[in-house]
Amino acid sequence: MTFALDIKTAQDKAAEAAAAAQTTARQECRRRIIAVLSEAAQINLTAAAAAGLLSAADSAIWRAGLDWIAQMRGTWPTLTEAGLDPRDDANWPPAPTGLAELADRF
């Protein structure tokens, strides 16, 4: 009879911890984006912008919002690399002024 041992090295444990930290940061990023811009608002704003239905002011806010989403998506990997807590507001870029209000209308 042969027994297989599942031995985890320190390197294995570190890799698992790093993967878990990345998952947590990625999920926190998504949660923070959705808290400002629901998925429905993102879809509706994208459609309105594509159809040319946004005012110049709303269009500027929406473009700033898209830039913010890109910044957010670029932030989570750096948080895990630096060992920073993704639950700390100070570690994330702030949403543009007016974005939440714009999203509420869509």
N, C-alpha and C. Protein backbone atom coordinates (compact mmCIF):
# COMPACT_ATOMS: atom_id res chain seq x y z
N MET A 1 0.83 -1.17 0.00
CA MET A 1 0.00 0.00 0.00
C MET A 1 0.89 1.24 0.00
N THR A 2 0.56 2.19 -0.90
CA THR A 2 1.35 3.40 -1.04
C THR A 2 0.53 4.61 -0.61
N PHE A 3 1.17 5.47 0.14
CA PHE A 3 0.51 6.70 0.60
C PHE A 3 1.16 7.89 -0.09
N ALA A 4 0.32 8.77 -0.59
CA ALA A 4 0.84 9.99 -1.19
C ALA A 4 0.77 11.09 -0.13
N LEU A 5 1.86 11.72 0.08
CA LEU A 5 1.92 12.81 1.05
C LEU A 5 1.80 14.14 0.32
N ASP A 6 0.97 14.97 0.83
CA ASP A 6 0.81 16.31 0.25
C ASP A 6 1.60 17.28 1.13
N ILE A 7 2.83 17.43 0.79
CA ILE A 7 3.72 18.28 1.56
C ILE A 7 3.84 19.63 0.86
N LYS A 8 3.58 20.67 1.61
CA LYS A 8 3.70 22.02 1.05
C LYS A 8 4.96 22.67 1.60
N THR A 9 5.74 23.15 0.69
CA THR A 9 6.96 23.85 1.08
C THR A 9 6.61 25.29 1.44
N ALA A 10 7.57 25.96 2.03
CA ALA A 10 7.38 27.38 2.34
C ALA A 10 7.12 28.17 1.07
N GLN A 11 7.76 27.76 0.00
CA GLN A 11 7.56 28.43 -1.29
C GLN A 11 6.13 28.20 -1.79
N ASP A 12 5.61 26.99 -1.63
CA ASP A 12 4.23 26.70 -2.01
C ASP A 12 3.26 27.57 -1.21
N LYS A 13 3.49 27.65 0.09
CA LYS A 13 2.62 28.45 0.96
C LYS A 13 2.68 29.93 0.60
N ALA A 14 3.86 30.41 0.28
CA ALA A 14 4.00 31.82 -0.12
C ALA A 14 3.27 32.09 -1.43
N ALA A 15 3.36 31.15 -2.36
CA ALA A 15 2.67 31.31 -3.64
C ALA A 15 1.16 31.31 -3.44
N GLU A 16 0.67 30.44 -2.57
CA GLU A 16 -0.77 30.40 -2.28
C GLU A 16 -1.23 31.70 -1.62
N ALA A 17 -0.43 32.21 -0.70
CA ALA A 17 -0.77 33.47 -0.03
C ALA A 17 -0.78 34.63 -1.02
N ALA A 18 0.18 34.64 -1.93
CA ALA A 18 0.23 35.72 -2.93
C ALA A 18 -0.98 35.64 -3.85
N ALA A 19 -1.36 34.44 -4.25
CA ALA A 19 -2.54 34.28 -5.12
C ALA A 19 -3.80 34.72 -4.39
N ALA A 20 -3.91 34.38 -3.12
CA ALA A 20 -5.08 34.79 -2.34
C ALA A 20 -5.12 36.31 -2.18
N ALA A 21 -3.96 36.92 -1.97
CA ALA A 21 -3.91 38.38 -1.84
C ALA A 21 -4.32 39.04 -3.14
N GLN A 22 -3.91 38.50 -4.27
CA GLN A 22 -4.30 39.06 -5.57
C GLN A 22 -5.80 38.93 -5.77
N THR A 23 -6.35 37.80 -5.43
CA THR A 23 -7.80 37.60 -5.57
C THR A 23 -8.56 38.60 -4.70
N THR A 24 -8.12 38.77 -3.47
CA THR A 24 -8.77 39.72 -2.56
C THR A 24 -8.70 41.14 -3.11
N ALA A 25 -7.54 41.55 -3.60
CA ALA A 25 -7.39 42.91 -4.12
C ALA A 25 -8.21 43.11 -5.39
N ARG A 26 -8.24 42.12 -6.26
CA ARG A 26 -9.03 42.20 -7.49
C ARG A 26 -10.52 42.31 -7.16
N GLN A 27 -10.98 41.52 -6.21
CA GLN A 27 -12.38 41.57 -5.80
C GLN A 27 -12.72 42.90 -5.14
N GLU A 28 -11.80 43.44 -4.36
CA GLU A 28 -12.03 44.75 -3.72
C GLU A 28 -12.09 45.85 -4.78
N CYS A 29 -11.25 45.75 -5.79
CA CYS A 29 -11.28 46.71 -6.89
C CYS A 29 -12.65 46.70 -7.56
N ARG A 30 -13.12 45.53 -7.89
CA ARG A 30 -14.43 45.40 -8.54
C ARG A 30 -15.54 45.95 -7.64
N ARG A 31 -15.49 45.61 -6.37
CA ARG A 31 -16.51 46.07 -5.43
C ARG A 31 -16.54 47.59 -5.38
N ARG A 32 -15.38 48.21 -5.36
CA ARG A 32 -15.30 49.67 -5.28
C ARG A 32 -15.81 50.32 -6.56
N ILE A 33 -15.50 49.75 -7.70
CA ILE A 33 -16.00 50.30 -8.96
C ILE A 33 -17.53 50.19 -9.01
N ILE A 34 -18.04 49.02 -8.69
CA ILE A 34 -19.49 48.78 -8.74
C ILE A 34 -20.22 49.65 -7.72
N ALA A 35 -19.59 49.98 -6.61
CA ALA A 35 -20.21 50.85 -5.60
C ALA A 35 -20.49 52.24 -6.17
N VAL A 36 -19.67 52.67 -7.10
CA VAL A 36 -19.84 53.99 -7.73
C VAL A 36 -20.64 53.87 -9.02
N LEU A 37 -20.31 52.87 -9.82
CA LEU A 37 -20.92 52.67 -11.14
C LEU A 37 -21.43 51.24 -11.25
N SER A 38 -22.72 51.05 -11.06
CA SER A 38 -23.25 49.70 -11.21
C SER A 38 -22.99 49.21 -12.63
N GLU A 39 -23.07 47.91 -12.81
CA GLU A 39 -22.87 47.36 -14.15
C GLU A 39 -23.91 47.92 -15.12
N ALA A 40 -25.15 48.07 -14.66
CA ALA A 40 -26.20 48.62 -15.52
C ALA A 40 -25.87 50.06 -15.91
N ALA A 41 -25.39 50.85 -14.96
CA ALA A 41 -25.02 52.24 -15.26
C ALA A 41 -23.87 52.28 -16.26
N GLN A 42 -22.89 51.40 -16.10
CA GLN A 42 -21.78 51.36 -17.06
C GLN A 42 -22.27 51.05 -18.47
N ILE A 43 -23.15 50.08 -18.58
CA ILE A 43 -23.69 49.71 -19.89
C ILE A 43 -24.50 50.86 -20.47
N ASN A 44 -25.39 51.45 -19.66
CA ASN A 44 -26.24 52.53 -20.14
C ASN A 44 -25.45 53.77 -20.51
N LEU A 45 -24.43 54.10 -19.72
CA LEU A 45 -23.59 55.25 -20.04
C LEU A 45 -22.78 55.01 -21.31
N THR A 46 -22.28 53.81 -21.47
CA THR A 46 -21.55 53.49 -22.70
C THR A 46 -22.44 53.64 -23.92
N ALA A 47 -23.67 53.13 -23.81
CA ALA A 47 -24.61 53.25 -24.93
C ALA A 47 -24.97 54.71 -25.21
N ALA A 48 -25.23 55.47 -24.15
CA ALA A 48 -25.57 56.88 -24.33
C ALA A 48 -24.41 57.65 -24.95
N ALA A 49 -23.20 57.36 -24.51
CA ALA A 49 -22.03 58.04 -25.08
C ALA A 49 -21.85 57.66 -26.55
N ALA A 50 -22.01 56.39 -26.87
CA ALA A 50 -21.87 55.93 -28.26
C ALA A 50 -22.92 56.55 -29.16
N ALA A 51 -24.11 56.79 -28.62
CA ALA A 51 -25.19 57.37 -29.41
C ALA A 51 -25.12 58.89 -29.44
N GLY A 52 -24.16 59.47 -28.73
CA GLY A 52 -24.02 60.92 -28.70
C GLY A 52 -25.09 61.61 -27.88
N LEU A 53 -25.63 60.92 -26.90
CA LEU A 53 -26.72 61.47 -26.10
C LEU A 53 -26.28 62.17 -24.82
N LEU A 54 -24.99 62.14 -24.51
CA LEU A 54 -24.50 62.81 -23.31
C LEU A 54 -24.18 64.27 -23.61
N SER A 55 -24.47 65.13 -22.65
CA SER A 55 -24.08 66.53 -22.79
C SER A 55 -22.55 66.60 -22.73
N ALA A 56 -22.00 67.73 -23.08
CA ALA A 56 -20.54 67.89 -23.03
C ALA A 56 -20.04 67.68 -21.60
N ALA A 57 -20.76 68.20 -20.62
CA ALA A 57 -20.34 68.06 -19.22
C ALA A 57 -20.42 66.60 -18.78
N ASP A 58 -21.52 65.93 -19.12
CA ASP A 58 -21.66 64.52 -18.76
C ASP A 58 -20.63 63.66 -19.48
N SER A 59 -20.34 63.99 -20.70
CA SER A 59 -19.34 63.25 -21.46
C SER A 59 -17.96 63.38 -20.81
N ALA A 60 -17.64 64.57 -20.34
CA ALA A 60 -16.35 64.79 -19.67
C ALA A 60 -16.27 63.98 -18.38
N ILE A 61 -17.37 63.94 -17.63
CA ILE A 61 -17.39 63.14 -16.40
C ILE A 61 -17.25 61.66 -16.73
N TRP A 62 -17.95 61.20 -17.76
CA TRP A 62 -17.88 59.80 -18.15
C TRP A 62 -16.47 59.41 -18.58
N ARG A 63 -15.81 60.28 -19.36
CA ARG A 63 -14.42 60.00 -19.77
C ARG A 63 -13.51 59.93 -18.54
N ALA A 64 -13.73 60.85 -17.58
CA ALA A 64 -12.95 60.81 -16.34
C ALA A 64 -13.24 59.51 -15.59
N GLY A 65 -14.49 59.06 -15.64
CA GLY A 65 -14.85 57.80 -15.00
C GLY A 65 -14.15 56.61 -15.64
N LEU A 66 -14.07 56.62 -16.95
CA LEU A 66 -13.36 55.54 -17.65
C LEU A 66 -11.88 55.54 -17.29
N ASP A 67 -11.30 56.73 -17.18
CA ASP A 67 -9.90 56.84 -16.75
C ASP A 67 -9.73 56.30 -15.33
N TRP A 68 -10.70 56.63 -14.46
CA TRP A 68 -10.66 56.17 -13.08
C TRP A 68 -10.74 54.64 -13.02
N ILE A 69 -11.61 54.04 -13.81
CA ILE A 69 -11.72 52.58 -13.85
C ILE A 69 -10.37 51.98 -14.26
N ALA A 70 -9.73 52.56 -15.25
CA ALA A 70 -8.42 52.07 -15.68
C ALA A 70 -7.39 52.22 -14.55
N GLN A 71 -7.43 53.33 -13.84
CA GLN A 71 -6.52 53.52 -12.70
C GLN A 71 -6.78 52.48 -11.61
N MET A 72 -8.06 52.23 -11.35
CA MET A 72 -8.42 51.24 -10.34
C MET A 72 -7.88 49.87 -10.73
N ARG A 73 -8.08 49.49 -11.97
CA ARG A 73 -7.61 48.18 -12.44
C ARG A 73 -6.09 48.08 -12.42
N GLY A 74 -5.42 49.21 -12.58
CA GLY A 74 -3.96 49.21 -12.50
C GLY A 74 -3.44 49.25 -11.07
N THR A 75 -4.31 49.60 -10.13
CA THR A 75 -3.89 49.73 -8.74
C THR A 75 -3.83 48.40 -8.01
N TRP A 76 -4.81 47.53 -8.22
CA TRP A 76 -4.86 46.31 -7.39
C TRP A 76 -3.60 45.46 -7.48
N PRO A 77 -2.98 45.30 -8.66
CA PRO A 77 -1.76 44.47 -8.67
C PRO A 77 -0.62 45.11 -7.86
N THR A 78 -0.54 46.43 -7.90
CA THR A 78 0.54 47.10 -7.16
C THR A 78 0.32 46.99 -5.65
N LEU A 79 -0.95 46.95 -5.23
CA LEU A 79 -1.24 46.78 -3.81
C LEU A 79 -0.71 45.45 -3.31
N THR A 80 -0.95 44.39 -4.07
CA THR A 80 -0.50 43.08 -3.64
C THR A 80 1.02 42.98 -3.67
N GLU A 81 1.63 43.59 -4.68
CA GLU A 81 3.10 43.57 -4.78
C GLU A 81 3.73 44.29 -3.61
N ALA A 82 3.07 45.39 -3.16
CA ALA A 82 3.61 46.19 -2.07
C ALA A 82 3.17 45.70 -0.69
N GLY A 83 2.29 44.70 -0.67
CA GLY A 83 1.80 44.19 0.60
C GLY A 83 0.85 45.13 1.32
N LEU A 84 0.19 46.01 0.57
CA LEU A 84 -0.74 46.98 1.16
C LEU A 84 -2.13 46.38 1.30
N ASP A 85 -2.89 46.89 2.25
CA ASP A 85 -4.24 46.39 2.52
C ASP A 85 -5.21 46.97 1.50
N PRO A 86 -5.86 46.11 0.69
CA PRO A 86 -6.80 46.62 -0.31
C PRO A 86 -8.08 47.19 0.30
N ARG A 87 -8.31 46.97 1.58
CA ARG A 87 -9.51 47.52 2.23
C ARG A 87 -9.31 48.95 2.69
N ASP A 88 -8.09 49.45 2.62
CA ASP A 88 -7.77 50.81 3.06
C ASP A 88 -8.08 51.79 1.93
N ASP A 89 -9.00 52.71 2.18
CA ASP A 89 -9.39 53.70 1.17
C ASP A 89 -8.21 54.49 0.63
N ALA A 90 -7.22 54.73 1.48
CA ALA A 90 -6.07 55.54 1.08
C ALA A 90 -5.25 54.90 -0.04
N ASN A 91 -5.45 53.60 -0.25
CA ASN A 91 -4.67 52.90 -1.26
C ASN A 91 -5.30 52.92 -2.65
N TRP A 92 -6.43 53.59 -2.79
CA TRP A 92 -7.16 53.60 -4.06
C TRP A 92 -7.33 55.02 -4.58
N PRO A 93 -7.34 55.20 -5.90
CA PRO A 93 -7.61 56.53 -6.44
C PRO A 93 -9.06 56.92 -6.19
N PRO A 94 -9.30 58.19 -5.88
CA PRO A 94 -10.69 58.63 -5.64
C PRO A 94 -11.47 58.70 -6.95
N ALA A 95 -12.76 58.43 -6.84
CA ALA A 95 -13.64 58.55 -8.01
C ALA A 95 -13.75 60.03 -8.39
N PRO A 96 -13.88 60.30 -9.68
CA PRO A 96 -14.01 61.69 -10.13
C PRO A 96 -15.27 62.35 -9.56
N THR A 97 -15.17 63.62 -9.32
CA THR A 97 -16.31 64.40 -8.86
C THR A 97 -17.44 64.30 -9.87
N GLY A 98 -18.62 64.01 -9.38
CA GLY A 98 -19.80 63.96 -10.23
C GLY A 98 -20.09 62.60 -10.84
N LEU A 99 -19.16 61.64 -10.72
CA LEU A 99 -19.36 60.35 -11.38
C LEU A 99 -20.51 59.57 -10.75
N ALA A 100 -20.58 59.53 -9.43
CA ALA A 100 -21.66 58.78 -8.77
C ALA A 100 -23.01 59.39 -9.12
N GLU A 101 -23.08 60.72 -9.17
CA GLU A 101 -24.33 61.39 -9.51
C GLU A 101 -24.74 61.10 -10.96
N LEU A 102 -23.77 61.10 -11.85
CA LEU A 102 -24.03 60.76 -13.25
C LEU A 102 -24.55 59.32 -13.35
N ALA A 103 -23.89 58.42 -12.65
CA ALA A 103 -24.29 57.01 -12.67
C ALA A 103 -25.72 56.84 -12.15
N ASP A 104 -26.08 57.60 -11.14
CA ASP A 104 -27.44 57.51 -10.56
C ASP A 104 -28.52 57.85 -11.59
N ARG A 105 -28.16 58.67 -12.56
CA ARG A 105 -29.15 59.05 -13.59
C ARG A 105 -29.28 57.98 -14.67
N PHE A 106 -28.38 57.01 -14.67
CA PHE A 106 -28.40 55.97 -15.69
C PHE A 106 -28.60 54.61 -15.08
